[in-house]
N, C-alpha and C. Protein backbone atom coordinates (compact mmCIF):
# COMPACT_ATOMS: atom_id res chain seq x y z
N MET A 1 111.28 73.12 123.19
CA MET A 1 111.10 73.79 121.67
C MET A 1 109.87 74.91 121.71
N SER A 2 110.19 75.78 120.56
CA SER A 2 108.86 76.98 120.61
C SER A 2 108.12 76.37 119.79
N ARG A 3 107.16 76.75 119.09
CA ARG A 3 105.87 76.58 118.36
C ARG A 3 106.09 77.80 117.61
N ARG A 4 106.24 77.54 116.20
CA ARG A 4 105.71 78.53 114.93
C ARG A 4 104.62 79.28 114.63
N VAL A 5 104.37 80.33 114.91
CA VAL A 5 103.18 80.73 114.92
C VAL A 5 102.47 80.95 113.79
N VAL A 6 101.19 80.30 113.89
CA VAL A 6 100.20 80.88 112.61
C VAL A 6 99.06 81.31 112.82
N VAL A 7 98.90 82.38 111.97
CA VAL A 7 98.18 83.47 111.90
C VAL A 7 96.67 82.97 111.36
N GLY A 8 95.46 83.13 111.97
CA GLY A 8 94.45 83.22 111.02
C GLY A 8 93.34 84.51 111.26
N ALA A 9 92.59 84.85 110.11
CA ALA A 9 91.69 86.37 109.99
C ALA A 9 90.59 86.20 110.16
N ALA A 10 90.27 86.11 111.66
CA ALA A 10 88.46 86.27 111.62
C ALA A 10 87.93 87.63 110.99
N VAL A 11 87.90 87.61 109.39
CA VAL A 11 87.32 88.63 108.98
C VAL A 11 85.54 88.98 109.40
N LEU A 12 85.68 89.92 109.53
CA LEU A 12 84.05 90.28 110.16
C LEU A 12 83.48 91.52 109.19
N ARG A 13 82.18 91.13 108.69
CA ARG A 13 81.53 92.02 107.79
C ARG A 13 79.87 92.16 108.13
N GLU A 14 79.52 93.24 108.40
CA GLU A 14 77.90 93.52 108.55
C GLU A 14 77.63 92.16 109.63
N GLY A 15 78.17 91.85 110.80
CA GLY A 15 78.06 90.90 111.86
C GLY A 15 77.91 89.45 111.13
N ARG A 16 78.67 89.38 110.53
CA ARG A 16 79.42 87.79 110.04
C ARG A 16 80.24 87.35 109.72
N LEU A 17 80.99 86.08 110.21
CA LEU A 17 82.25 86.07 110.05
C LEU A 17 82.43 85.12 108.73
N LEU A 18 83.88 85.07 108.22
CA LEU A 18 84.34 84.38 106.87
C LEU A 18 84.85 83.16 106.84
N ALA A 19 84.09 82.37 106.36
CA ALA A 19 84.83 80.69 106.64
C ALA A 19 85.04 80.83 105.31
N CYS A 20 86.44 79.79 105.45
CA CYS A 20 86.68 79.07 103.74
C CYS A 20 86.52 77.79 104.17
N ARG A 21 86.96 77.30 102.89
CA ARG A 21 86.88 75.72 103.19
C ARG A 21 87.74 75.30 102.17
N ARG A 22 88.59 74.21 102.98
CA ARG A 22 89.78 74.21 102.56
C ARG A 22 89.78 72.82 100.98
N THR A 23 91.13 72.54 100.21
CA THR A 23 90.75 71.95 98.81
C THR A 23 91.79 70.60 99.46
N THR A 24 93.17 71.59 100.14
CA THR A 24 94.31 70.68 100.38
C THR A 24 94.97 70.92 101.32
N PRO A 25 95.63 69.85 102.53
CA PRO A 25 96.17 68.64 102.16
C PRO A 25 94.92 67.90 101.97
N ALA A 26 94.62 66.73 101.88
CA ALA A 26 93.65 65.68 101.53
C ALA A 26 92.87 65.34 102.87
N ALA A 27 93.53 65.82 104.25
CA ALA A 27 92.99 65.37 105.50
C ALA A 27 92.12 66.52 105.71
N ALA A 28 92.86 67.50 105.16
CA ALA A 28 91.89 68.96 105.86
C ALA A 28 90.87 68.93 104.19
N ALA A 29 90.67 68.80 103.30
CA ALA A 29 89.87 68.84 102.47
C ALA A 29 88.34 68.82 102.84
N GLY A 30 87.79 69.89 102.42
CA GLY A 30 86.08 70.04 102.09
C GLY A 30 85.79 70.11 103.91
N ARG A 31 86.90 70.74 105.01
CA ARG A 31 86.40 71.21 105.90
C ARG A 31 87.16 72.81 105.63
N TRP A 32 86.07 73.76 107.05
CA TRP A 32 86.20 75.19 107.08
C TRP A 32 87.59 75.13 107.91
N GLU A 33 87.80 77.02 107.73
CA GLU A 33 88.88 77.26 108.33
C GLU A 33 88.76 79.31 108.41
N LEU A 34 89.67 79.95 108.75
CA LEU A 34 89.43 80.89 109.26
C LEU A 34 90.88 81.04 108.15
N PRO A 35 90.99 82.28 107.45
CA PRO A 35 91.94 82.54 105.84
C PRO A 35 93.44 82.82 107.00
N GLY A 36 94.36 82.72 106.62
CA GLY A 36 95.94 83.09 106.90
C GLY A 36 96.71 81.65 106.84
N GLY A 37 97.91 82.00 107.67
CA GLY A 37 99.02 81.38 107.48
C GLY A 37 100.66 81.32 108.37
N LYS A 38 101.35 81.27 108.26
CA LYS A 38 102.79 81.38 108.93
C LYS A 38 103.23 82.70 108.94
N VAL A 39 103.61 82.80 110.17
CA VAL A 39 104.20 84.34 110.46
C VAL A 39 105.73 83.62 109.61
N GLU A 40 106.39 84.46 108.68
CA GLU A 40 108.24 84.67 108.17
C GLU A 40 108.89 85.04 109.30
N ASP A 41 109.77 84.50 109.18
CA ASP A 41 111.12 85.52 110.39
C ASP A 41 110.93 86.39 110.05
N GLY A 42 111.15 87.38 110.93
CA GLY A 42 111.14 88.86 110.93
C GLY A 42 110.00 90.08 110.59
N GLU A 43 109.09 89.12 110.41
CA GLU A 43 107.78 89.90 110.41
C GLU A 43 107.04 89.53 111.59
N THR A 44 105.99 90.47 111.67
CA THR A 44 105.04 90.88 112.36
C THR A 44 103.93 89.60 112.39
N ARG A 45 102.88 90.13 113.57
CA ARG A 45 101.56 89.14 113.44
C ARG A 45 101.01 89.35 112.28
N ASP A 46 100.44 91.05 112.42
CA ASP A 46 99.85 92.08 111.60
C ASP A 46 100.42 91.81 110.23
N ALA A 47 101.37 91.96 110.46
CA ALA A 47 102.05 91.98 108.49
C ALA A 47 101.74 90.20 108.08
N ALA A 48 101.92 89.28 108.72
CA ALA A 48 101.92 88.21 108.43
C ALA A 48 100.46 87.43 107.87
N LEU A 49 99.21 88.28 108.47
CA LEU A 49 98.06 88.53 108.27
C LEU A 49 97.63 89.10 107.22
N VAL A 50 97.65 90.51 107.01
CA VAL A 50 97.91 91.06 106.20
C VAL A 50 98.48 90.33 104.39
N ARG A 51 99.52 89.99 104.93
CA ARG A 51 100.44 89.36 103.90
C ARG A 51 99.47 87.73 102.99
N GLU A 52 99.22 86.86 104.42
CA GLU A 52 98.42 85.82 103.90
C GLU A 52 96.99 86.06 103.37
N VAL A 53 96.03 86.69 104.04
CA VAL A 53 94.54 87.13 102.88
C VAL A 53 95.12 87.87 101.77
N ALA A 54 96.23 88.71 101.54
CA ALA A 54 96.31 88.77 100.28
C ALA A 54 96.48 87.91 99.63
N GLU A 55 97.56 87.18 99.66
CA GLU A 55 97.77 85.94 98.65
C GLU A 55 96.66 84.58 98.47
N GLU A 56 95.77 84.75 99.59
CA GLU A 56 94.47 83.53 99.51
C GLU A 56 93.63 83.68 98.94
N LEU A 57 92.91 85.16 99.37
CA LEU A 57 91.64 86.13 98.75
C LEU A 57 91.94 87.31 97.86
N GLY A 58 93.03 87.65 97.80
CA GLY A 58 93.00 88.96 97.12
C GLY A 58 92.46 90.31 97.82
N VAL A 59 92.39 90.55 98.50
CA VAL A 59 92.13 91.30 99.62
C VAL A 59 92.93 91.83 100.59
N ASP A 60 92.76 92.90 100.92
CA ASP A 60 93.45 93.78 101.99
C ASP A 60 92.65 93.52 103.24
N VAL A 61 93.23 93.61 104.55
CA VAL A 61 92.78 93.47 105.52
C VAL A 61 93.37 94.58 106.56
N SER A 62 92.61 94.85 107.45
CA SER A 62 93.06 95.51 108.61
C SER A 62 92.80 94.88 109.96
N VAL A 63 94.02 94.99 110.58
CA VAL A 63 93.85 94.15 112.09
C VAL A 63 93.60 95.39 113.21
N THR A 64 92.19 94.57 113.71
CA THR A 64 91.55 95.20 114.29
C THR A 64 91.54 94.61 115.89
N GLY A 65 92.37 93.68 116.30
CA GLY A 65 92.42 93.35 117.48
C GLY A 65 93.28 91.80 117.36
N TRP A 66 93.29 91.11 118.35
CA TRP A 66 93.66 89.96 118.84
C TRP A 66 92.82 89.21 119.66
N LEU A 67 92.58 87.71 119.10
CA LEU A 67 91.83 87.26 120.28
C LEU A 67 92.33 86.78 121.65
N GLU A 68 92.29 85.93 122.48
CA GLU A 68 92.73 85.88 123.43
C GLU A 68 93.10 83.92 123.40
N GLY A 69 93.98 83.83 123.70
CA GLY A 69 95.06 82.06 123.59
C GLY A 69 95.36 81.65 122.24
N SER A 70 95.79 80.77 122.35
CA SER A 70 96.09 80.24 121.14
C SER A 70 95.96 78.76 121.00
N ALA A 71 95.95 78.80 119.86
CA ALA A 71 95.57 76.83 119.58
C ALA A 71 96.65 75.89 118.73
N PRO A 72 97.42 74.81 119.19
CA PRO A 72 98.06 73.70 118.97
C PRO A 72 97.65 73.24 117.48
N ILE A 73 98.76 73.86 116.73
CA ILE A 73 98.85 72.63 115.56
C ILE A 73 99.66 71.73 115.35
N ALA A 74 99.44 70.57 115.07
CA ALA A 74 100.49 69.66 115.47
C ALA A 74 101.47 69.47 116.45
N ASP A 75 102.82 69.33 116.86
CA ASP A 75 103.52 69.57 118.00
C ASP A 75 104.32 70.71 117.45
N THR A 76 104.84 71.37 116.26
CA THR A 76 105.56 72.74 115.73
C THR A 76 104.91 73.67 115.82
N HIS A 77 103.11 74.09 115.92
CA HIS A 77 102.92 75.62 115.19
C HIS A 77 101.87 75.69 116.56
N GLU A 78 101.23 76.88 116.49
CA GLU A 78 100.11 77.48 117.33
C GLU A 78 99.77 78.77 116.86
N LEU A 79 98.00 78.71 116.59
CA LEU A 79 97.72 79.56 116.19
C LEU A 79 96.87 80.52 116.48
N ARG A 80 96.73 81.58 116.08
CA ARG A 80 96.97 83.00 116.60
C ARG A 80 95.81 83.45 116.13
N VAL A 81 94.70 84.06 116.45
CA VAL A 81 93.79 84.68 115.66
C VAL A 81 93.50 86.17 115.94
N ALA A 82 93.06 86.66 115.06
CA ALA A 82 92.68 88.52 115.19
C ALA A 82 92.05 88.34 114.01
N THR A 83 90.95 89.33 114.61
CA THR A 83 89.83 89.71 114.09
C THR A 83 90.00 90.83 113.08
N CYS A 84 89.84 90.95 111.73
CA CYS A 84 89.64 92.01 110.78
C CYS A 84 88.28 92.57 109.92
N THR A 85 88.78 93.70 109.63
CA THR A 85 88.32 94.18 108.54
C THR A 85 88.34 94.42 107.11
N VAL A 86 87.75 94.81 106.50
CA VAL A 86 88.06 94.65 104.82
C VAL A 86 87.32 95.57 104.42
N ALA A 87 87.73 97.16 103.81
CA ALA A 87 87.28 97.94 103.12
C ALA A 87 86.56 97.65 102.05
N VAL A 88 87.33 96.91 100.76
CA VAL A 88 86.90 96.83 99.82
C VAL A 88 86.68 95.39 99.47
N TRP A 89 85.38 94.69 98.81
CA TRP A 89 84.97 93.18 99.21
C TRP A 89 85.06 92.28 97.69
N THR A 90 86.30 92.19 97.37
CA THR A 90 86.25 91.12 96.26
C THR A 90 87.02 90.37 95.94
N PRO A 91 86.64 89.26 96.65
CA PRO A 91 87.10 87.90 96.77
C PRO A 91 87.71 87.03 95.43
N TYR A 92 88.80 86.68 95.75
CA TYR A 92 89.07 85.50 94.82
C TYR A 92 90.07 84.60 95.57
N PRO A 93 89.12 83.94 95.75
CA PRO A 93 89.58 82.21 96.68
C PRO A 93 90.90 81.33 95.60
N VAL A 94 92.18 81.44 95.99
CA VAL A 94 92.86 80.92 95.45
C VAL A 94 93.19 79.32 96.17
N GLU A 95 93.16 79.50 97.69
CA GLU A 95 93.68 78.32 98.15
C GLU A 95 91.78 77.22 98.44
N HIS A 96 91.42 77.95 98.35
CA HIS A 96 89.84 77.74 98.73
C HIS A 96 88.81 77.03 97.77
N ASP A 97 87.80 76.34 97.74
CA ASP A 97 86.96 76.01 96.80
C ASP A 97 85.49 76.67 97.26
N ARG A 98 85.13 77.41 98.51
CA ARG A 98 84.17 78.11 98.92
C ARG A 98 84.43 78.92 100.07
N LEU A 99 83.58 80.01 99.89
CA LEU A 99 83.67 80.92 101.09
C LEU A 99 82.04 81.47 101.34
N ARG A 100 81.80 81.14 102.69
CA ARG A 100 80.74 81.42 103.43
C ARG A 100 80.63 82.82 104.69
N TRP A 101 79.69 83.43 104.70
CA TRP A 101 79.56 84.48 105.64
C TRP A 101 78.65 83.92 106.44
N LEU A 102 78.89 83.49 107.74
CA LEU A 102 78.40 82.82 108.96
C LEU A 102 77.53 84.09 110.21
N GLY A 103 76.42 83.92 110.15
CA GLY A 103 76.45 84.81 111.29
C GLY A 103 76.19 84.11 112.72
N ALA A 104 76.41 84.64 114.30
CA ALA A 104 76.70 83.57 115.28
C ALA A 104 75.71 82.48 115.13
N ALA A 105 74.25 82.24 114.54
CA ALA A 105 73.72 80.88 114.85
C ALA A 105 74.16 79.93 113.64
N ASP A 106 75.27 80.32 113.10
CA ASP A 106 75.82 79.50 112.03
C ASP A 106 77.09 79.21 112.01
N LEU A 107 77.66 79.49 113.26
CA LEU A 107 79.03 78.92 113.31
C LEU A 107 79.03 77.48 113.56
N ASP A 108 78.07 76.84 113.81
CA ASP A 108 78.41 75.84 113.82
C ASP A 108 77.84 74.38 112.81
N GLU A 109 77.62 75.04 112.08
CA GLU A 109 77.00 74.70 110.95
C GLU A 109 77.85 73.78 109.69
N VAL A 110 79.07 74.18 109.83
CA VAL A 110 80.21 73.76 109.11
C VAL A 110 81.02 73.08 109.89
N ASP A 111 82.07 72.21 109.13
CA ASP A 111 83.01 71.34 109.75
C ASP A 111 84.52 72.14 109.84
N TRP A 112 84.44 72.86 110.89
CA TRP A 112 86.27 73.86 111.31
C TRP A 112 87.28 72.93 111.56
N LEU A 113 88.06 73.19 111.12
CA LEU A 113 89.01 72.20 111.17
C LEU A 113 89.66 72.89 113.25
N GLU A 114 90.01 71.63 113.94
CA GLU A 114 90.37 71.74 114.97
C GLU A 114 91.21 73.09 115.72
N PRO A 115 92.00 73.39 115.09
CA PRO A 115 93.11 74.81 115.63
C PRO A 115 91.70 75.76 115.58
N ASP A 116 90.93 75.54 114.69
CA ASP A 116 89.94 77.03 114.91
C ASP A 116 88.78 77.22 116.00
N ARG A 117 88.19 75.73 116.39
CA ARG A 117 87.26 75.41 117.21
C ARG A 117 87.44 76.45 118.55
N PRO A 118 88.82 76.58 118.93
CA PRO A 118 88.60 77.43 120.58
C PRO A 118 88.40 78.70 120.62
N PHE A 119 88.55 79.61 118.99
CA PHE A 119 87.98 80.35 119.17
C PHE A 119 86.68 81.05 118.88
N LEU A 120 86.13 80.18 118.10
CA LEU A 120 84.70 80.32 118.41
C LEU A 120 83.46 81.44 118.91
N GLY A 121 83.91 80.17 120.35
CA GLY A 121 83.09 80.66 120.94
C GLY A 121 83.24 82.71 121.51
N GLU A 122 84.70 82.95 121.58
CA GLU A 122 84.70 84.34 121.34
C GLU A 122 84.09 85.15 120.44
N LEU A 123 84.34 84.37 119.43
CA LEU A 123 83.77 85.03 118.06
C LEU A 123 82.14 85.17 118.06
N LYS A 124 81.92 84.53 118.33
CA LYS A 124 80.35 84.11 118.64
C LYS A 124 79.49 84.98 118.92
N GLY A 125 80.64 85.80 120.63
CA GLY A 125 80.19 86.82 121.50
C GLY A 125 80.54 88.02 121.00
N LEU A 126 81.59 88.17 119.25
CA LEU A 126 81.70 89.27 118.74
C LEU A 126 80.54 89.55 117.43
N LEU A 127 79.54 88.47 117.61
CA LEU A 127 78.56 88.42 116.18
C LEU A 127 77.26 89.01 116.88
N PRO A 128 76.48 90.26 116.77
CA PRO A 128 75.15 90.44 116.93
C PRO A 128 74.13 88.99 116.79
């Protein structure tokens, strides 16, 4: 059985990475993640990422590349992460209660959800 793809956006701006704090479900509330969501049938990963970030934060991102590998989410999904930029930043968090811009030295300060953790090393290398 193949896993359904979930895309995560590593939004990079001025040498920092955007982290979003979850409010639901209860098991994830208060923990941090990269924004994103499921790829719909017939949708590309890039299109899904742009759509999901627009829904979650009200901003349009541009996908600049995909990180290596994937991370399992339970037995049914796998996370793939892309680096992104945003031209105009006027966020309106819909599914999150807090946003933080983190530098390379700050990435370990927040409690990341498990699927995001394998990508932090590569992301740290992209930050000054």
